[in-house]
């Protein structure tokens, strides 16, 4: 049947394979994506069952001495695990968790002024009141990457300091900026 699907694009053989092996696919999805926190990923996998099995049929190589159900189970398992890994990289957090360990935002520094004005004031403070190393750290952290902050590891390597030393200089600059009455 797999040969017919690959070589002749036989729809009946594909439907028979999907019917026979849906249980293996769904078992693996249930095993690796169980629980309430994974329900959206689980639903996506179930919705994409036909396409996933079809792609696995196309990738299957019978010369490697593996049976198709085993290959399907392993392929599904790795897809589920990759989905979980991607989800962990974009971790959902409560507002309290975010407020404890996050980067300072402009609305923390200023109350009642626009974000653009706050950023302008902060950049002006850094230009006029900070030493060369602090300027470089702030510039690398916020101005090099357009959508996100530059990682501390990269900044520390560039400046030739420890990561904690770079973070301390950064935090001291933020604290000095908050204390400076000219800018707040």
N, C-alpha and C. Protein backbone atom coordinates (compact mmCIF):
# COMPACT_ATOMS: atom_id res chain seq x y z
N UNK A 1 0.82 -1.20 0.00
CA UNK A 1 0.00 0.00 0.00
C UNK A 1 0.86 1.27 0.00
N UNK A 2 1.90 1.25 0.77
CA UNK A 2 2.78 2.43 0.84
C UNK A 2 3.38 2.69 -0.53
N UNK A 3 3.78 1.63 -1.20
CA UNK A 3 4.34 1.78 -2.54
C UNK A 3 3.32 2.41 -3.49
N UNK A 4 2.06 1.99 -3.40
CA UNK A 4 1.02 2.56 -4.26
C UNK A 4 0.82 4.05 -3.98
N UNK A 5 0.86 4.42 -2.71
CA UNK A 5 0.68 5.84 -2.37
C UNK A 5 1.84 6.66 -2.90
N UNK A 6 3.06 6.14 -2.74
CA UNK A 6 4.25 6.89 -3.18
C UNK A 6 4.36 6.96 -4.70
N UNK A 7 4.19 5.84 -5.36
CA UNK A 7 4.45 5.78 -6.79
C UNK A 7 3.23 6.17 -7.65
N UNK A 8 2.07 5.73 -7.23
CA UNK A 8 0.89 5.92 -8.06
C UNK A 8 -0.09 6.94 -7.51
N UNK A 9 0.18 7.50 -6.34
CA UNK A 9 -0.71 8.46 -5.68
C UNK A 9 -2.12 7.89 -5.55
N UNK A 10 -2.20 6.66 -5.09
CA UNK A 10 -3.47 5.95 -4.96
C UNK A 10 -4.20 6.42 -3.69
N UNK A 11 -5.34 7.07 -3.89
CA UNK A 11 -6.12 7.61 -2.77
C UNK A 11 -6.71 6.52 -1.89
N UNK A 12 -7.17 5.42 -2.51
CA UNK A 12 -7.77 4.34 -1.73
C UNK A 12 -6.74 3.71 -0.79
N UNK A 13 -5.54 3.53 -1.26
CA UNK A 13 -4.48 2.96 -0.41
C UNK A 13 -4.14 3.92 0.73
N UNK A 14 -4.12 5.20 0.42
CA UNK A 14 -3.82 6.19 1.46
C UNK A 14 -4.91 6.18 2.53
N UNK A 15 -6.17 6.15 2.12
CA UNK A 15 -7.27 6.11 3.09
C UNK A 15 -7.22 4.84 3.93
N UNK A 16 -6.85 3.72 3.31
CA UNK A 16 -6.72 2.47 4.06
C UNK A 16 -5.58 2.57 5.09
N UNK A 17 -4.46 3.15 4.70
CA UNK A 17 -3.34 3.34 5.64
C UNK A 17 -3.74 4.26 6.80
N UNK A 18 -4.43 5.33 6.48
CA UNK A 18 -4.87 6.26 7.52
C UNK A 18 -5.84 5.56 8.46
N UNK A 19 -6.75 4.77 7.90
CA UNK A 19 -7.71 4.05 8.72
C UNK A 19 -7.02 3.04 9.63
N UNK A 20 -6.05 2.33 9.10
CA UNK A 20 -5.34 1.31 9.87
C UNK A 20 -4.45 1.90 10.97
N UNK A 21 -3.82 3.03 10.69
CA UNK A 21 -2.77 3.53 11.59
C UNK A 21 -3.15 4.79 12.36
N UNK A 22 -4.38 5.23 12.28
CA UNK A 22 -4.82 6.39 13.06
C UNK A 22 -4.69 6.14 14.55
N UNK A 23 -4.93 4.90 14.96
CA UNK A 23 -4.83 4.56 16.38
C UNK A 23 -3.42 4.76 16.92
N UNK A 24 -2.42 4.38 16.14
CA UNK A 24 -1.03 4.57 16.56
C UNK A 24 -0.74 6.06 16.70
N UNK A 25 -1.17 6.82 15.70
CA UNK A 25 -0.93 8.26 15.70
C UNK A 25 -1.60 8.91 16.91
N UNK A 26 -2.88 8.62 17.13
CA UNK A 26 -3.62 9.24 18.22
C UNK A 26 -3.09 8.81 19.59
N UNK A 27 -2.62 7.57 19.70
CA UNK A 27 -2.03 7.10 20.96
C UNK A 27 -0.78 7.91 21.30
N UNK A 28 0.05 8.15 20.32
CA UNK A 28 1.28 8.91 20.56
C UNK A 28 0.95 10.37 20.90
N UNK A 29 -0.01 10.94 20.21
CA UNK A 29 -0.42 12.32 20.51
C UNK A 29 -0.96 12.40 21.93
N UNK A 30 -1.80 11.46 22.31
CA UNK A 30 -2.36 11.45 23.67
C UNK A 30 -1.27 11.26 24.72
N UNK A 31 -0.29 10.42 24.42
CA UNK A 31 0.76 10.14 25.38
C UNK A 31 1.63 11.38 25.63
N UNK A 32 1.98 12.11 24.58
CA UNK A 32 2.92 13.21 24.73
C UNK A 32 2.27 14.58 24.88
N UNK A 33 1.01 14.70 24.53
CA UNK A 33 0.34 16.00 24.63
C UNK A 33 -0.90 15.91 25.51
N UNK A 34 -0.82 15.12 26.58
CA UNK A 34 -1.96 15.03 27.49
C UNK A 34 -1.92 16.19 28.47
N UNK A 35 -3.01 16.46 29.09
CA UNK A 35 -3.09 17.53 30.08
C UNK A 35 -3.74 18.77 29.52
N UNK A 36 -4.26 19.58 30.41
CA UNK A 36 -4.99 20.78 30.00
C UNK A 36 -4.09 21.83 29.37
N UNK A 37 -2.85 21.90 29.79
CA UNK A 37 -1.95 22.94 29.27
C UNK A 37 -1.56 22.68 27.81
N UNK A 38 -1.73 21.46 27.34
CA UNK A 38 -1.35 21.12 25.97
C UNK A 38 -2.56 20.90 25.06
N UNK A 39 -3.72 21.30 25.49
CA UNK A 39 -4.94 20.98 24.74
C UNK A 39 -4.95 21.62 23.35
N UNK A 40 -4.44 22.83 23.21
CA UNK A 40 -4.47 23.46 21.88
C UNK A 40 -3.52 22.74 20.92
N UNK A 41 -2.33 22.35 21.40
CA UNK A 41 -1.39 21.61 20.55
C UNK A 41 -1.99 20.25 20.18
N UNK A 42 -2.61 19.60 21.17
CA UNK A 42 -3.21 18.28 20.95
C UNK A 42 -4.30 18.38 19.88
N UNK A 43 -5.14 19.41 19.99
CA UNK A 43 -6.21 19.59 18.99
C UNK A 43 -5.64 19.85 17.60
N UNK A 44 -4.54 20.63 17.53
CA UNK A 44 -3.90 20.87 16.24
C UNK A 44 -3.38 19.57 15.62
N UNK A 45 -2.76 18.73 16.46
CA UNK A 45 -2.25 17.46 15.96
C UNK A 45 -3.38 16.57 15.47
N UNK A 46 -4.48 16.55 16.21
CA UNK A 46 -5.60 15.70 15.80
C UNK A 46 -6.21 16.21 14.50
N UNK A 47 -6.33 17.52 14.36
CA UNK A 47 -6.87 18.09 13.12
C UNK A 47 -5.97 17.79 11.93
N UNK A 48 -4.67 17.74 12.15
CA UNK A 48 -3.71 17.52 11.07
C UNK A 48 -3.33 16.05 10.91
N UNK A 49 -4.13 15.15 11.44
CA UNK A 49 -3.83 13.71 11.43
C UNK A 49 -3.63 13.20 10.00
N UNK A 50 -4.54 13.53 9.10
CA UNK A 50 -4.47 13.01 7.73
C UNK A 50 -3.18 13.46 7.04
N UNK A 51 -2.87 14.72 7.17
CA UNK A 51 -1.67 15.25 6.54
C UNK A 51 -0.41 14.66 7.18
N UNK A 52 -0.41 14.52 8.48
CA UNK A 52 0.77 13.97 9.18
C UNK A 52 1.02 12.53 8.74
N UNK A 53 -0.02 11.73 8.67
CA UNK A 53 0.16 10.34 8.24
C UNK A 53 0.59 10.29 6.78
N UNK A 54 0.01 11.12 5.95
CA UNK A 54 0.41 11.17 4.54
C UNK A 54 1.89 11.54 4.40
N UNK A 55 2.33 12.56 5.11
CA UNK A 55 3.75 12.95 5.04
C UNK A 55 4.66 11.84 5.55
N UNK A 56 4.22 11.14 6.58
CA UNK A 56 5.02 10.03 7.10
C UNK A 56 5.10 8.89 6.08
N UNK A 57 4.01 8.65 5.37
CA UNK A 57 4.04 7.64 4.30
C UNK A 57 5.06 8.03 3.24
N UNK A 58 5.08 9.29 2.87
CA UNK A 58 6.02 9.74 1.84
C UNK A 58 7.47 9.65 2.30
N UNK A 59 7.71 9.84 3.60
CA UNK A 59 9.08 9.80 4.12
C UNK A 59 9.54 8.39 4.47
N UNK A 60 8.63 7.46 4.59
CA UNK A 60 8.96 6.11 5.02
C UNK A 60 9.85 5.41 4.00
N UNK A 61 10.90 4.74 4.52
CA UNK A 61 11.84 4.00 3.68
C UNK A 61 11.85 2.54 4.15
N UNK A 62 11.19 1.65 3.41
CA UNK A 62 11.11 0.25 3.85
C UNK A 62 12.47 -0.45 3.87
N UNK A 63 13.45 0.06 3.18
CA UNK A 63 14.76 -0.58 3.14
C UNK A 63 15.52 -0.44 4.47
N UNK A 64 15.01 0.35 5.38
CA UNK A 64 15.69 0.55 6.67
C UNK A 64 15.25 -0.46 7.73
N UNK A 65 14.54 -1.48 7.31
CA UNK A 65 14.12 -2.58 8.18
C UNK A 65 13.28 -2.12 9.38
N UNK A 66 12.40 -1.20 9.17
CA UNK A 66 11.47 -0.76 10.21
C UNK A 66 10.05 -0.94 9.66
N UNK A 67 9.15 -1.25 10.55
CA UNK A 67 7.75 -1.36 10.14
C UNK A 67 7.12 0.02 10.14
N UNK A 68 6.12 0.19 9.29
CA UNK A 68 5.50 1.50 9.18
C UNK A 68 4.87 1.99 10.48
N UNK A 69 4.16 1.16 11.25
CA UNK A 69 3.59 1.68 12.50
C UNK A 69 4.67 2.20 13.46
N UNK A 70 5.81 1.53 13.50
CA UNK A 70 6.91 1.98 14.36
C UNK A 70 7.45 3.32 13.87
N UNK A 71 7.61 3.42 12.56
CA UNK A 71 8.10 4.68 11.98
C UNK A 71 7.11 5.81 12.24
N UNK A 72 5.83 5.53 12.08
CA UNK A 72 4.79 6.53 12.34
C UNK A 72 4.80 6.95 13.81
N UNK A 73 4.91 5.99 14.71
CA UNK A 73 4.93 6.30 16.15
C UNK A 73 6.13 7.19 16.50
N UNK A 74 7.31 6.84 15.98
CA UNK A 74 8.50 7.65 16.26
C UNK A 74 8.40 9.04 15.65
N UNK A 75 7.90 9.12 14.45
CA UNK A 75 7.74 10.42 13.80
C UNK A 75 6.76 11.31 14.57
N UNK A 76 5.66 10.72 15.00
CA UNK A 76 4.66 11.47 15.77
C UNK A 76 5.23 11.90 17.11
N UNK A 77 5.96 10.99 17.76
CA UNK A 77 6.57 11.32 19.05
C UNK A 77 7.50 12.52 18.92
N UNK A 78 8.37 12.52 17.91
CA UNK A 78 9.31 13.64 17.74
C UNK A 78 8.59 14.93 17.39
N UNK A 79 7.53 14.83 16.63
CA UNK A 79 6.74 16.04 16.31
C UNK A 79 6.11 16.62 17.58
N UNK A 80 5.59 15.75 18.42
CA UNK A 80 4.99 16.21 19.69
C UNK A 80 6.04 16.84 20.59
N UNK A 81 7.17 16.18 20.72
CA UNK A 81 8.24 16.71 21.58
C UNK A 81 8.77 18.04 21.06
N UNK A 82 8.90 18.16 19.74
CA UNK A 82 9.34 19.44 19.17
C UNK A 82 8.32 20.53 19.44
N UNK A 83 7.05 20.19 19.38
CA UNK A 83 5.99 21.16 19.67
C UNK A 83 6.08 21.63 21.12
N UNK A 84 6.32 20.69 22.04
CA UNK A 84 6.47 21.05 23.45
C UNK A 84 7.70 21.93 23.69
N UNK A 85 8.77 21.64 22.99
CA UNK A 85 9.99 22.44 23.12
C UNK A 85 9.75 23.86 22.65
N UNK A 86 9.08 24.01 21.51
CA UNK A 86 8.76 25.35 21.02
C UNK A 86 7.87 26.09 22.01
N UNK A 87 6.95 25.37 22.62
CA UNK A 87 6.04 25.99 23.59
C UNK A 87 6.79 26.45 24.83
N UNK A 88 7.78 25.68 25.27
CA UNK A 88 8.57 26.07 26.44
C UNK A 88 9.40 27.31 26.17
N UNK A 89 9.85 27.48 24.94
CA UNK A 89 10.64 28.66 24.60
C UNK A 89 9.80 29.91 24.69
N UNK A 90 8.52 29.80 24.40
CA UNK A 90 7.60 30.92 24.51
C UNK A 90 6.70 30.61 25.70
N UNK A 91 7.24 30.74 26.89
CA UNK A 91 6.56 30.34 28.11
C UNK A 91 5.50 31.36 28.49
N UNK A 92 4.33 30.86 28.82
CA UNK A 92 3.27 31.73 29.30
C UNK A 92 3.48 31.94 30.79
N UNK A 93 3.36 33.18 31.25
CA UNK A 93 3.58 33.49 32.65
C UNK A 93 2.47 34.39 33.16
N UNK A 94 2.28 34.33 34.47
CA UNK A 94 1.30 35.23 35.07
C UNK A 94 1.89 36.63 35.14
N UNK A 95 1.05 37.61 35.37
CA UNK A 95 1.49 38.99 35.43
C UNK A 95 2.46 39.21 36.59
N UNK A 96 2.23 38.54 37.73
CA UNK A 96 3.14 38.69 38.86
C UNK A 96 4.53 38.14 38.55
N UNK A 97 4.59 36.99 37.87
CA UNK A 97 5.89 36.42 37.49
C UNK A 97 6.62 37.35 36.53
N UNK A 98 5.88 37.91 35.62
CA UNK A 98 6.50 38.81 34.64
C UNK A 98 7.05 40.04 35.33
N UNK A 99 6.31 40.61 36.26
CA UNK A 99 6.74 41.84 36.93
C UNK A 99 7.97 41.63 37.80
N UNK A 100 8.19 40.41 38.30
CA UNK A 100 9.33 40.16 39.18
C UNK A 100 10.66 40.14 38.43
N UNK A 101 10.72 39.48 37.28
CA UNK A 101 12.01 39.28 36.65
C UNK A 101 12.11 39.76 35.23
N UNK A 102 11.55 40.87 34.92
CA UNK A 102 11.53 41.33 33.54
C UNK A 102 12.38 42.59 33.35
N UNK A 103 12.57 42.91 32.11
CA UNK A 103 13.28 44.14 31.76
C UNK A 103 12.43 45.35 32.14
N UNK A 104 13.05 46.45 32.50
CA UNK A 104 12.26 47.65 32.81
C UNK A 104 11.56 48.17 31.56
N UNK A 105 10.36 48.64 31.74
CA UNK A 105 9.61 49.20 30.63
C UNK A 105 9.46 50.70 30.87
N UNK A 106 9.14 51.40 29.81
CA UNK A 106 9.04 52.85 29.92
C UNK A 106 7.92 53.27 30.84
N UNK A 107 6.83 52.49 30.92
CA UNK A 107 5.75 52.90 31.81
C UNK A 107 6.11 52.71 33.28
N UNK A 108 7.17 51.92 33.57
CA UNK A 108 7.68 51.83 34.93
C UNK A 108 8.48 53.09 35.28
N UNK A 109 9.13 53.66 34.30
CA UNK A 109 9.99 54.80 34.54
C UNK A 109 9.21 56.11 34.61
N UNK A 110 8.17 56.20 33.83
CA UNK A 110 7.43 57.45 33.72
C UNK A 110 5.95 57.21 33.89
N UNK A 111 5.31 58.12 34.54
CA UNK A 111 3.86 58.04 34.66
C UNK A 111 3.29 59.27 33.97
N UNK A 112 2.42 59.06 33.02
CA UNK A 112 1.72 60.17 32.39
C UNK A 112 2.40 60.76 31.16
N UNK A 113 3.45 60.13 30.63
CA UNK A 113 4.02 60.63 29.38
C UNK A 113 4.05 59.49 28.36
N UNK A 114 4.13 59.86 27.13
CA UNK A 114 4.10 58.88 26.04
C UNK A 114 5.38 58.07 25.99
N UNK A 115 5.28 56.87 25.44
CA UNK A 115 6.43 55.97 25.35
C UNK A 115 7.55 56.56 24.50
N UNK A 116 7.20 57.19 23.39
CA UNK A 116 8.23 57.79 22.53
C UNK A 116 9.02 58.86 23.28
N UNK A 117 8.31 59.69 24.06
CA UNK A 117 8.99 60.73 24.83
C UNK A 117 9.87 60.11 25.91
N UNK A 118 9.38 59.05 26.54
CA UNK A 118 10.16 58.37 27.58
C UNK A 118 11.44 57.78 26.99
N UNK A 119 11.33 57.15 25.84
CA UNK A 119 12.53 56.59 25.20
C UNK A 119 13.50 57.69 24.80
N UNK A 120 12.98 58.80 24.31
CA UNK A 120 13.84 59.92 23.96
C UNK A 120 14.59 60.43 25.19
N UNK A 121 13.87 60.59 26.32
CA UNK A 121 14.50 61.06 27.55
C UNK A 121 15.56 60.08 28.05
N UNK A 122 15.27 58.79 27.96
CA UNK A 122 16.23 57.78 28.41
C UNK A 122 17.49 57.81 27.54
N UNK A 123 17.30 57.88 26.23
CA UNK A 123 18.46 57.94 25.33
C UNK A 123 19.27 59.21 25.58
N UNK A 124 18.58 60.32 25.83
CA UNK A 124 19.27 61.57 26.13
C UNK A 124 20.06 61.44 27.43
N UNK A 125 19.47 60.81 28.44
CA UNK A 125 20.17 60.59 29.71
C UNK A 125 21.42 59.75 29.50
N UNK A 126 21.29 58.68 28.74
CA UNK A 126 22.44 57.80 28.50
C UNK A 126 23.54 58.55 27.76
N UNK A 127 23.18 59.32 26.75
CA UNK A 127 24.17 60.08 25.98
C UNK A 127 24.91 61.11 26.84
N UNK A 128 24.19 61.80 27.70
CA UNK A 128 24.78 62.91 28.43
C UNK A 128 25.33 62.55 29.80
N UNK A 129 24.87 61.49 30.42
CA UNK A 129 25.22 61.24 31.81
C UNK A 129 25.98 59.94 32.06
N UNK A 130 26.16 59.11 31.07
CA UNK A 130 26.77 57.80 31.31
C UNK A 130 28.16 57.73 30.69
N UNK A 131 29.00 56.85 31.27
CA UNK A 131 30.35 56.66 30.73
C UNK A 131 30.29 55.81 29.46
N UNK A 132 31.44 55.64 28.83
CA UNK A 132 31.52 54.98 27.54
C UNK A 132 31.05 53.53 27.60
N UNK A 133 31.47 52.81 28.64
CA UNK A 133 31.11 51.39 28.77
C UNK A 133 29.59 51.24 28.97
N UNK A 134 29.01 52.09 29.80
CA UNK A 134 27.57 52.02 30.04
C UNK A 134 26.81 52.34 28.75
N UNK A 135 27.27 53.33 28.01
CA UNK A 135 26.62 53.66 26.73
C UNK A 135 26.65 52.47 25.79
N UNK A 136 27.80 51.78 25.75
CA UNK A 136 27.92 50.63 24.85
C UNK A 136 26.98 49.51 25.28
N UNK A 137 26.89 49.26 26.58
CA UNK A 137 26.01 48.20 27.09
C UNK A 137 24.55 48.52 26.77
N UNK A 138 24.12 49.74 27.05
CA UNK A 138 22.73 50.13 26.79
C UNK A 138 22.45 50.09 25.28
N UNK A 139 23.39 50.58 24.50
CA UNK A 139 23.20 50.58 23.04
C UNK A 139 23.08 49.16 22.51
N UNK A 140 23.95 48.26 22.98
CA UNK A 140 23.88 46.87 22.52
C UNK A 140 22.59 46.20 22.99
N UNK A 141 22.18 46.49 24.21
CA UNK A 141 21.01 45.81 24.77
C UNK A 141 19.72 46.21 24.05
N UNK A 142 19.59 47.48 23.72
CA UNK A 142 18.30 47.95 23.19
C UNK A 142 18.31 48.40 21.73
N UNK A 143 19.46 48.70 21.17
CA UNK A 143 19.44 49.27 19.82
C UNK A 143 19.94 48.35 18.74
N UNK A 144 20.69 47.28 19.07
CA UNK A 144 21.23 46.41 18.03
C UNK A 144 20.18 45.52 17.39
N UNK A 145 19.35 44.88 18.20
CA UNK A 145 18.30 43.99 17.69
C UNK A 145 17.00 44.79 17.65
N UNK A 146 16.37 44.78 16.53
CA UNK A 146 15.21 45.64 16.35
C UNK A 146 13.99 45.19 17.15
N UNK A 147 13.70 43.91 17.18
CA UNK A 147 12.48 43.45 17.84
C UNK A 147 12.69 42.96 19.26
N UNK A 148 13.92 42.71 19.65
CA UNK A 148 14.15 42.11 20.96
C UNK A 148 15.47 42.59 21.52
N UNK A 149 15.68 42.28 22.77
CA UNK A 149 16.90 42.68 23.45
C UNK A 149 18.04 41.75 23.07
N UNK A 150 19.24 42.31 22.98
CA UNK A 150 20.42 41.51 22.73
C UNK A 150 20.71 40.68 23.99
N UNK A 151 21.07 39.42 23.85
CA UNK A 151 21.34 38.58 25.02
C UNK A 151 22.52 39.09 25.85
N UNK A 152 22.42 38.91 27.16
CA UNK A 152 23.48 39.36 28.07
C UNK A 152 24.80 38.69 27.75
N UNK A 153 24.78 37.44 27.35
CA UNK A 153 26.01 36.70 27.06
C UNK A 153 26.78 37.40 25.94
N UNK A 154 26.08 37.78 24.93
CA UNK A 154 26.73 38.44 23.78
C UNK A 154 27.31 39.80 24.19
N UNK A 155 26.55 40.55 24.97
CA UNK A 155 27.03 41.86 25.43
C UNK A 155 28.27 41.69 26.30
N UNK A 156 28.23 40.73 27.23
CA UNK A 156 29.37 40.50 28.12
C UNK A 156 30.62 40.13 27.33
N UNK A 157 30.47 39.29 26.32
CA UNK A 157 31.61 38.89 25.50
C UNK A 157 32.18 40.09 24.75
N UNK A 158 31.31 40.91 24.22
CA UNK A 158 31.74 42.09 23.45
C UNK A 158 32.46 43.10 24.34
N UNK A 159 31.96 43.32 25.55
CA UNK A 159 32.53 44.32 26.45
C UNK A 159 33.73 43.76 27.21
N UNK A 160 33.81 42.42 27.32
CA UNK A 160 34.91 41.80 28.04
C UNK A 160 34.70 41.76 29.54
N UNK A 161 33.46 41.56 29.95
CA UNK A 161 33.11 41.50 31.37
C UNK A 161 32.28 40.25 31.62
N UNK A 162 32.00 40.01 32.89
CA UNK A 162 31.10 38.91 33.23
C UNK A 162 29.66 39.35 32.94
N UNK A 163 28.81 38.36 32.80
CA UNK A 163 27.40 38.65 32.54
C UNK A 163 26.81 39.45 33.69
N UNK A 164 27.09 39.04 34.92
CA UNK A 164 26.53 39.74 36.07
C UNK A 164 27.04 41.17 36.16
N UNK A 165 28.31 41.39 35.81
CA UNK A 165 28.85 42.75 35.81
C UNK A 165 28.13 43.65 34.83
N UNK A 166 27.84 43.12 33.65
CA UNK A 166 27.12 43.88 32.62
C UNK A 166 25.70 44.19 33.10
N UNK A 167 25.04 43.21 33.71
CA UNK A 167 23.68 43.42 34.22
C UNK A 167 23.69 44.48 35.32
N UNK A 168 24.69 44.43 36.19
CA UNK A 168 24.78 45.42 37.27
C UNK A 168 24.94 46.83 36.73
N UNK A 169 25.80 47.01 35.72
CA UNK A 169 25.99 48.33 35.11
C UNK A 169 24.67 48.79 34.48
N UNK A 170 24.00 47.91 33.79
CA UNK A 170 22.71 48.23 33.16
C UNK A 170 21.70 48.68 34.22
N UNK A 171 21.57 47.89 35.29
CA UNK A 171 20.59 48.21 36.33
C UNK A 171 20.94 49.51 37.06
N UNK A 172 22.24 49.75 37.26
CA UNK A 172 22.66 51.00 37.89
C UNK A 172 22.29 52.20 37.01
N UNK A 173 22.43 52.06 35.71
CA UNK A 173 22.05 53.13 34.79
C UNK A 173 20.54 53.42 34.89
N UNK A 174 19.73 52.36 34.94
CA UNK A 174 18.28 52.52 35.06
C UNK A 174 17.94 53.21 36.39
N UNK A 175 18.59 52.78 37.46
CA UNK A 175 18.32 53.37 38.79
C UNK A 175 18.73 54.84 38.81
N UNK A 176 19.89 55.18 38.24
CA UNK A 176 20.33 56.57 38.18
C UNK A 176 19.35 57.42 37.36
N UNK A 177 18.85 56.84 36.30
CA UNK A 177 17.89 57.55 35.46
C UNK A 177 16.60 57.85 36.23
N UNK A 178 16.15 56.88 37.02
CA UNK A 178 14.93 57.08 37.82
C UNK A 178 15.14 58.16 38.88
N UNK A 179 16.35 58.24 39.44
CA UNK A 179 16.64 59.22 40.49
C UNK A 179 16.81 60.63 39.95
N UNK A 180 17.21 60.76 38.71
CA UNK A 180 17.51 62.06 38.13
C UNK A 180 16.22 62.83 37.91
N UNK A 181 16.04 63.92 38.66
CA UNK A 181 14.80 64.71 38.62
C UNK A 181 14.62 65.47 37.29
N UNK A 182 15.73 65.69 36.58
CA UNK A 182 15.67 66.43 35.33
C UNK A 182 14.85 65.63 34.29
N UNK A 183 14.90 64.33 34.38
CA UNK A 183 14.25 63.49 33.37
C UNK A 183 12.89 62.97 33.80
N UNK A 184 12.59 62.99 35.07
CA UNK A 184 11.32 62.41 35.52
C UNK A 184 10.33 63.51 35.85
